[in-house]
């Protein structure tokens, strides 16, 4: 699966660089890194993601609409 492959490569690169946590920023115009790390492309507002070396990803969204959209995507993927 592409998403899991990306996460594995990211975690490996973090390990090689000696990083425990990586913070990634994105907005509607610059979201490539955020999408790579979270598999979520933001359409409105701004977002931060914390990627931990154990693979846990925490996504912070400043738009309530983006929060609702992310939640509906998560429910559909179950």
PDB file of N, CA and C in Angstrom:
ATOM      1  N   UNK A   1       0.844  -1.167   0.000  1.00  0.00           N
ATOM      2  CA  UNK A   1       0.000   0.000   0.000  1.00  0.00           C
ATOM      3  C   UNK A   1       0.898   1.240   0.000  1.00  0.00           C
ATOM      4  N   UNK A   2       0.585   2.189  -0.833  1.00  0.00           N
ATOM      5  CA  UNK A   2       1.394   3.394  -1.002  1.00  0.00           C
ATOM      6  C   UNK A   2       1.512   4.191   0.298  1.00  0.00           C
ATOM      7  N   UNK A   3       0.426   4.330   1.026  1.00  0.00           N
ATOM      8  CA  UNK A   3       0.440   5.115   2.261  1.00  0.00           C
ATOM      9  C   UNK A   3       1.417   4.512   3.263  1.00  0.00           C
ATOM     10  N   UNK A   4       1.355   3.195   3.447  1.00  0.00           N
ATOM     11  CA  UNK A   4       2.248   2.540   4.399  1.00  0.00           C
ATOM     12  C   UNK A   4       3.698   2.599   3.925  1.00  0.00           C
ATOM     13  N   UNK A   5       3.932   2.480   2.625  1.00  0.00           N
ATOM     14  CA  UNK A   5       5.295   2.598   2.089  1.00  0.00           C
ATOM     15  C   UNK A   5       5.869   3.984   2.362  1.00  0.00           C
ATOM     16  N   UNK A   6       5.068   5.012   2.163  1.00  0.00           N
ATOM     17  CA  UNK A   6       5.524   6.374   2.443  1.00  0.00           C
ATOM     18  C   UNK A   6       5.869   6.545   3.917  1.00  0.00           C
ATOM     19  N   UNK A   7       4.990   6.045   4.783  1.00  0.00           N
ATOM     20  CA  UNK A   7       5.224   6.171   6.220  1.00  0.00           C
ATOM     21  C   UNK A   7       6.509   5.444   6.615  1.00  0.00           C
ATOM     22  N   UNK A   8       6.725   4.263   6.073  1.00  0.00           N
ATOM     23  CA  UNK A   8       7.936   3.502   6.375  1.00  0.00           C
ATOM     24  C   UNK A   8       9.181   4.252   5.919  1.00  0.00           C
ATOM     25  N   UNK A   9       9.149   4.801   4.716  1.00  0.00           N
ATOM     26  CA  UNK A   9      10.301   5.568   4.218  1.00  0.00           C
ATOM     27  C   UNK A   9      10.547   6.805   5.070  1.00  0.00           C
ATOM     28  N   UNK A  10       9.478   7.474   5.493  1.00  0.00           N
ATOM     29  CA  UNK A  10       9.617   8.661   6.324  1.00  0.00           C
ATOM     30  C   UNK A  10      10.220   8.310   7.684  1.00  0.00           C
ATOM     31  N   UNK A  11       9.731   7.258   8.305  1.00  0.00           N
ATOM     32  CA  UNK A  11      10.246   6.829   9.607  1.00  0.00           C
ATOM     33  C   UNK A  11      11.710   6.413   9.487  1.00  0.00           C
ATOM     34  N   UNK A  12      12.050   5.725   8.412  1.00  0.00           N
ATOM     35  CA  UNK A  12      13.451   5.336   8.186  1.00  0.00           C
ATOM     36  C   UNK A  12      14.351   6.552   8.013  1.00  0.00           C
ATOM     37  N   UNK A  13      13.885   7.555   7.266  1.00  0.00           N
ATOM     38  CA  UNK A  13      14.663   8.776   7.059  1.00  0.00           C
ATOM     39  C   UNK A  13      14.810   9.546   8.374  1.00  0.00           C
ATOM     40  N   UNK A  14      13.763   9.565   9.181  1.00  0.00           N
ATOM     41  CA  UNK A  14      13.850  10.214  10.485  1.00  0.00           C
ATOM     42  C   UNK A  14      14.879   9.514  11.359  1.00  0.00           C
ATOM     43  N   UNK A  15      14.861   8.205  11.342  1.00  0.00           N
ATOM     44  CA  UNK A  15      15.827   7.433  12.123  1.00  0.00           C
ATOM     45  C   UNK A  15      17.254   7.714  11.673  1.00  0.00           C
ATOM     46  N   UNK A  16      17.464   7.732  10.368  1.00  0.00           N
ATOM     47  CA  UNK A  16      18.794   8.030   9.821  1.00  0.00           C
ATOM     48  C   UNK A  16      19.281   9.417  10.244  1.00  0.00           C
ATOM     49  N   UNK A  17      18.352  10.362  10.371  1.00  0.00           N
ATOM     50  CA  UNK A  17      18.699  11.739  10.742  1.00  0.00           C
ATOM     51  C   UNK A  17      18.730  11.936  12.259  1.00  0.00           C
ATOM     52  N   UNK A  18      18.358  10.905  13.013  1.00  0.00           N
ATOM     53  CA  UNK A  18      18.352  11.012  14.465  1.00  0.00           C
ATOM     54  C   UNK A  18      17.191  11.811  15.023  1.00  0.00           C
ATOM     55  N   UNK A  19      16.056  11.809  14.321  1.00  0.00           N
ATOM     56  CA  UNK A  19      14.879  12.570  14.747  1.00  0.00           C
ATOM     57  C   UNK A  19      13.866  11.665  15.440  1.00  0.00           C
ATOM     58  N   UNK A  20      13.340  12.133  16.561  1.00  0.00           N
ATOM     59  CA  UNK A  20      12.264  11.422  17.260  1.00  0.00           C
ATOM     60  C   UNK A  20      10.901  11.891  16.779  1.00  0.00           C
ATOM     61  N   UNK A  21      10.817  13.183  16.428  1.00  0.00           N
ATOM     62  CA  UNK A  21       9.561  13.793  15.989  1.00  0.00           C
ATOM     63  C   UNK A  21       9.864  14.739  14.831  1.00  0.00           C
ATOM     64  N   UNK A  22       8.975  14.725  13.853  1.00  0.00           N
ATOM     65  CA  UNK A  22       9.089  15.630  12.710  1.00  0.00           C
ATOM     66  C   UNK A  22       7.797  16.431  12.622  1.00  0.00           C
ATOM     67  N   UNK A  23       7.913  17.755  12.501  1.00  0.00           N
ATOM     68  CA  UNK A  23       6.738  18.603  12.321  1.00  0.00           C
ATOM     69  C   UNK A  23       6.655  18.992  10.848  1.00  0.00           C
ATOM     70  N   UNK A  24       5.460  18.822  10.284  1.00  0.00           N
ATOM     71  CA  UNK A  24       5.228  19.114   8.872  1.00  0.00           C
ATOM     72  C   UNK A  24       4.097  20.133   8.787  1.00  0.00           C
ATOM     73  N   UNK A  25       4.270  21.130   7.914  1.00  0.00           N
ATOM     74  CA  UNK A  25       3.275  22.188   7.724  1.00  0.00           C
ATOM     75  C   UNK A  25       2.688  22.088   6.321  1.00  0.00           C
ATOM     76  N   UNK A  26       1.438  22.477   6.206  1.00  0.00           N
ATOM     77  CA  UNK A  26       0.834  22.560   4.882  1.00  0.00           C
ATOM     78  C   UNK A  26      -0.327  23.520   4.869  1.00  0.00           C
ATOM     79  N   UNK A  27      -0.606  24.038   3.684  1.00  0.00           N
ATOM     80  CA  UNK A  27      -1.810  24.840   3.463  1.00  0.00           C
ATOM     81  C   UNK A  27      -2.336  24.473   2.071  1.00  0.00           C
ATOM     82  N   UNK A  28      -3.345  25.169   1.617  1.00  0.00           N
ATOM     83  CA  UNK A  28      -3.975  24.807   0.340  1.00  0.00           C
ATOM     84  C   UNK A  28      -3.028  24.951  -0.849  1.00  0.00           C
ATOM     85  N   UNK A  29      -2.030  25.812  -0.732  1.00  0.00           N
ATOM     86  CA  UNK A  29      -1.114  26.048  -1.851  1.00  0.00           C
ATOM     87  C   UNK A  29       0.175  25.248  -1.739  1.00  0.00           C
ATOM     88  N   UNK A  30       0.538  24.908  -0.527  1.00  0.00           N
ATOM     89  CA  UNK A  30       1.762  24.152  -0.290  1.00  0.00           C
ATOM     90  C   UNK A  30       1.447  22.989   0.633  1.00  0.00           C
ATOM     91  N   UNK A  31       1.003  21.886   0.052  1.00  0.00           N
ATOM     92  CA  UNK A  31       0.593  20.777   0.904  1.00  0.00           C
ATOM     93  C   UNK A  31       1.264  19.450   0.563  1.00  0.00           C
ATOM     94  N   UNK A  32       2.287  19.470  -0.268  1.00  0.00           N
ATOM     95  CA  UNK A  32       2.911  18.217  -0.686  1.00  0.00           C
ATOM     96  C   UNK A  32       3.501  17.440   0.487  1.00  0.00           C
ATOM     97  N   UNK A  33       4.246  18.113   1.357  1.00  0.00           N
ATOM     98  CA  UNK A  33       4.870  17.419   2.488  1.00  0.00           C
ATOM     99  C   UNK A  33       3.819  16.921   3.469  1.00  0.00           C
ATOM    100  N   UNK A  34       2.814  17.732   3.711  1.00  0.00           N
ATOM    101  CA  UNK A  34       1.736  17.329   4.621  1.00  0.00           C
ATOM    102  C   UNK A  34       1.001  16.119   4.072  1.00  0.00           C
ATOM    103  N   UNK A  35       0.698  16.136   2.798  1.00  0.00           N
ATOM    104  CA  UNK A  35      -0.007  15.006   2.189  1.00  0.00           C
ATOM    105  C   UNK A  35       0.841  13.735   2.226  1.00  0.00           C
ATOM    106  N   UNK A  36       2.140  13.881   1.984  1.00  0.00           N
ATOM    107  CA  UNK A  36       3.042  12.728   2.023  1.00  0.00           C
ATOM    108  C   UNK A  36       3.043  12.106   3.424  1.00  0.00           C
ATOM    109  N   UNK A  37       3.122  12.949   4.451  1.00  0.00           N
ATOM    110  CA  UNK A  37       3.240  12.457   5.824  1.00  0.00           C
ATOM    111  C   UNK A  37       1.922  11.961   6.411  1.00  0.00           C
ATOM    112  N   UNK A  38       0.791  12.525   5.954  1.00  0.00           N
ATOM    113  CA  UNK A  38      -0.497  12.224   6.584  1.00  0.00           C
ATOM    114  C   UNK A  38      -1.510  11.560   5.663  1.00  0.00           C
ATOM    115  N   UNK A  39      -1.254  11.557   4.379  1.00  0.00           N
ATOM    116  CA  UNK A  39      -2.211  11.100   3.373  1.00  0.00           C
ATOM    117  C   UNK A  39      -3.496  11.933   3.414  1.00  0.00           C
ATOM    118  N   UNK A  40      -3.336  13.210   3.728  1.00  0.00           N
ATOM    119  CA  UNK A  40      -4.470  14.132   3.753  1.00  0.00           C
ATOM    120  C   UNK A  40      -4.052  15.429   3.086  1.00  0.00           C
ATOM    121  N   UNK A  41      -4.713  15.774   2.009  1.00  0.00           N
ATOM    122  CA  UNK A  41      -4.439  17.021   1.314  1.00  0.00           C
ATOM    123  C   UNK A  41      -5.405  18.090   1.766  1.00  0.00           C
ATOM    124  N   UNK A  42      -4.896  19.111   2.378  1.00  0.00           N
ATOM    125  CA  UNK A  42      -5.734  20.179   2.916  1.00  0.00           C
ATOM    126  C   UNK A  42      -6.216  21.082   1.775  1.00  0.00           C
ATOM    127  N   UNK A  43      -7.458  21.504   1.854  1.00  0.00           N
ATOM    128  CA  UNK A  43      -8.050  22.361   0.827  1.00  0.00           C
ATOM    129  C   UNK A  43      -8.262  23.789   1.311  1.00  0.00           C
ATOM    130  N   UNK A  44      -8.328  23.969   2.623  1.00  0.00           N
ATOM    131  CA  UNK A  44      -8.639  25.276   3.190  1.00  0.00           C
ATOM    132  C   UNK A  44      -7.885  25.440   4.506  1.00  0.00           C
ATOM    133  N   UNK A  45      -7.404  26.623   4.772  1.00  0.00           N
ATOM    134  CA  UNK A  45      -6.727  26.888   6.036  1.00  0.00           C
ATOM    135  C   UNK A  45      -5.301  26.350   6.056  1.00  0.00           C
ATOM    136  N   UNK A  46      -4.849  26.055   7.261  1.00  0.00           N
ATOM    137  CA  UNK A  46      -3.493  25.571   7.475  1.00  0.00           C
ATOM    138  C   UNK A  46      -3.537  24.334   8.359  1.00  0.00           C
ATOM    139  N   UNK A  47      -2.449  23.570   8.325  1.00  0.00           N
ATOM    140  CA  UNK A  47      -2.382  22.378   9.153  1.00  0.00           C
ATOM    141  C   UNK A  47      -0.945  22.101   9.559  1.00  0.00           C
ATOM    142  N   UNK A  48      -0.804  21.462  10.698  1.00  0.00           N
ATOM    143  CA  UNK A  48       0.472  20.947  11.177  1.00  0.00           C
ATOM    144  C   UNK A  48       0.286  19.476  11.471  1.00  0.00           C
ATOM    145  N   UNK A  49       1.332  18.723  11.249  1.00  0.00           N
ATOM    146  CA  UNK A  49       1.315  17.313  11.612  1.00  0.00           C
ATOM    147  C   UNK A  49       2.599  17.002  12.369  1.00  0.00           C
ATOM    148  N   UNK A  50       2.461  16.213  13.426  1.00  0.00           N
ATOM    149  CA  UNK A  50       3.606  15.700  14.155  1.00  0.00           C
ATOM    150  C   UNK A  50       3.705  14.221  13.831  1.00  0.00           C
ATOM    151  N   UNK A  51       4.845  13.836  13.296  1.00  0.00           N
ATOM    152  CA  UNK A  51       5.109  12.441  12.961  1.00  0.00           C
ATOM    153  C   UNK A  51       6.134  11.935  13.962  1.00  0.00           C
ATOM    154  N   UNK A  52       5.785  10.895  14.698  1.00  0.00           N
ATOM    155  CA  UNK A  52       6.686  10.347  15.708  1.00  0.00           C
ATOM    156  C   UNK A  52       7.415   9.131  15.159  1.00  0.00           C
ATOM    157  N   UNK A  53       8.542   8.811  15.768  1.00  0.00           N
ATOM    158  CA  UNK A  53       9.373   7.717  15.277  1.00  0.00           C
ATOM    159  C   UNK A  53       8.725   6.340  15.434  1.00  0.00           C
ATOM    160  N   UNK A  54       7.619   6.245  16.198  1.00  0.00           N
ATOM    161  CA  UNK A  54       6.892   4.981  16.309  1.00  0.00           C
ATOM    162  C   UNK A  54       5.780   4.868  15.259  1.00  0.00           C
ATOM    163  N   UNK A  55       5.661   5.887  14.376  1.00  0.00           N
ATOM    164  CA  UNK A  55       4.671   5.870  13.312  1.00  0.00           C
ATOM    165  C   UNK A  55       3.391   6.618  13.628  1.00  0.00           C
ATOM    166  N   UNK A  56       3.237   7.075  14.863  1.00  0.00           N
ATOM    167  CA  UNK A  56       2.037   7.832  15.227  1.00  0.00           C
ATOM    168  C   UNK A  56       2.079   9.202  14.565  1.00  0.00           C
ATOM    169  N   UNK A  57       0.949   9.593  13.976  1.00  0.00           N
ATOM    170  CA  UNK A  57       0.835  10.891  13.315  1.00  0.00           C
ATOM    171  C   UNK A  57      -0.329  11.643  13.955  1.00  0.00           C
ATOM    172  N   UNK A  58      -0.067  12.879  14.385  1.00  0.00           N
ATOM    173  CA  UNK A  58      -1.097  13.739  14.949  1.00  0.00           C
ATOM    174  C   UNK A  58      -1.272  14.927  14.009  1.00  0.00           C
ATOM    175  N   UNK A  59      -2.495  15.132  13.566  1.00  0.00           N
ATOM    176  CA  UNK A  59      -2.801  16.182  12.602  1.00  0.00           C
ATOM    177  C   UNK A  59      -3.578  17.292  13.295  1.00  0.00           C
ATOM    178  N   UNK A  60      -3.098  18.528  13.159  1.00  0.00           N
ATOM    179  CA  UNK A  60      -3.751  19.701  13.723  1.00  0.00           C
ATOM    180  C   UNK A  60      -4.277  20.552  12.578  1.00  0.00           C
ATOM    181  N   UNK A  61      -5.583  20.796  12.576  1.00  0.00           N
ATOM    182  CA  UNK A  61      -6.245  21.571  11.523  1.00  0.00           C
ATOM    183  C   UNK A  61      -6.839  22.835  12.119  1.00  0.00           C
ATOM    184  N   UNK A  62      -6.728  23.959  11.410  1.00  0.00           N
ATOM    185  CA  UNK A  62      -7.306  25.193  11.932  1.00  0.00           C
ATOM    186  C   UNK A  62      -8.692  25.489  11.370  1.00  0.00           C
ATOM    187  N   UNK A  63      -9.170  24.681  10.459  1.00  0.00           N
ATOM    188  CA  UNK A  63     -10.475  24.904   9.853  1.00  0.00           C
ATOM    189  C   UNK A  63     -11.466  23.820  10.297  1.00  0.00           C
ATOM    190  N   UNK A  64     -12.594  24.223  10.862  1.00  0.00           N
ATOM    191  CA  UNK A  64     -13.615  23.239  11.229  1.00  0.00           C
ATOM    192  C   UNK A  64     -14.098  22.411  10.024  1.00  0.00           C
ATOM    193  N   UNK A  65     -14.139  23.031   8.856  1.00  0.00           N
ATOM    194  CA  UNK A  65     -14.562  22.290   7.659  1.00  0.00           C
ATOM    195  C   UNK A  65     -13.559  21.184   7.322  1.00  0.00           C
ATOM    196  N   UNK A  66     -12.277  21.479   7.459  1.00  0.00           N
ATOM    197  CA  UNK A  66     -11.248  20.465   7.201  1.00  0.00           C
ATOM    198  C   UNK A  66     -11.316  19.355   8.244  1.00  0.00           C
ATOM    199  N   UNK A  67     -11.600  19.718   9.484  1.00  0.00           N
ATOM    200  CA  UNK A  67     -11.757  18.708  10.530  1.00  0.00           C
ATOM    201  C   UNK A  67     -12.882  17.752  10.180  1.00  0.00           C
ATOM    202  N   UNK A  68     -14.020  18.298   9.776  1.00  0.00           N
ATOM    203  CA  UNK A  68     -15.166  17.461   9.404  1.00  0.00           C
ATOM    204  C   UNK A  68     -14.844  16.593   8.192  1.00  0.00           C
ATOM    205  N   UNK A  69     -14.150  17.163   7.222  1.00  0.00           N
ATOM    206  CA  UNK A  69     -13.785  16.400   6.026  1.00  0.00           C
ATOM    207  C   UNK A  69     -12.841  15.263   6.383  1.00  0.00           C
ATOM    208  N   UNK A  70     -11.861  15.523   7.234  1.00  0.00           N
ATOM    209  CA  UNK A  70     -10.922  14.480   7.647  1.00  0.00           C
ATOM    210  C   UNK A  70     -11.632  13.377   8.417  1.00  0.00           C
ATOM    211  N   UNK A  71     -12.543  13.769   9.283  1.00  0.00           N
ATOM    212  CA  UNK A  71     -13.291  12.780  10.058  1.00  0.00           C
ATOM    213  C   UNK A  71     -14.143  11.899   9.149  1.00  0.00           C
ATOM    214  N   UNK A  72     -14.775  12.482   8.137  1.00  0.00           N
ATOM    215  CA  UNK A  72     -15.606  11.681   7.225  1.00  0.00           C
ATOM    216  C   UNK A  72     -14.752  10.744   6.379  1.00  0.00           C
ATOM    217  N   UNK A  73     -13.555  11.173   6.013  1.00  0.00           N
ATOM    218  CA  UNK A  73     -12.644  10.297   5.268  1.00  0.00           C
ATOM    219  C   UNK A  73     -12.222   9.122   6.144  1.00  0.00           C
ATOM    220  N   UNK A  74     -11.911   9.407   7.404  1.00  0.00           N
ATOM    221  CA  UNK A  74     -11.494   8.346   8.324  1.00  0.00           C
ATOM    222  C   UNK A  74     -12.613   7.333   8.528  1.00  0.00           C
ATOM    223  N   UNK A  75     -13.841   7.799   8.642  1.00  0.00           N
ATOM    224  CA  UNK A  75     -14.974   6.878   8.825  1.00  0.00           C
ATOM    225  C   UNK A  75     -15.197   6.018   7.592  1.00  0.00           C
ATOM    226  N   UNK A  76     -15.019   6.605   6.423  1.00  0.00           N
ATOM    227  CA  UNK A  76     -15.244   5.865   5.179  1.00  0.00           C
ATOM    228  C   UNK A  76     -14.169   4.805   4.956  1.00  0.00           C
ATOM    229  N   UNK A  77     -12.984   5.018   5.508  1.00  0.00           N
ATOM    230  CA  UNK A  77     -11.898   4.060   5.277  1.00  0.00           C
ATOM    231  C   UNK A  77     -11.918   2.886   6.249  1.00  0.00           C
ATOM    232  N   UNK A  78     -12.818   2.896   7.211  1.00  0.00           N
ATOM    233  CA  UNK A  78     -12.904   1.792   8.197  1.00  0.00           C
ATOM    234  C   UNK A  78     -13.487   0.558   7.593  1.00  0.00           C
TER     235      UNK A  78
END
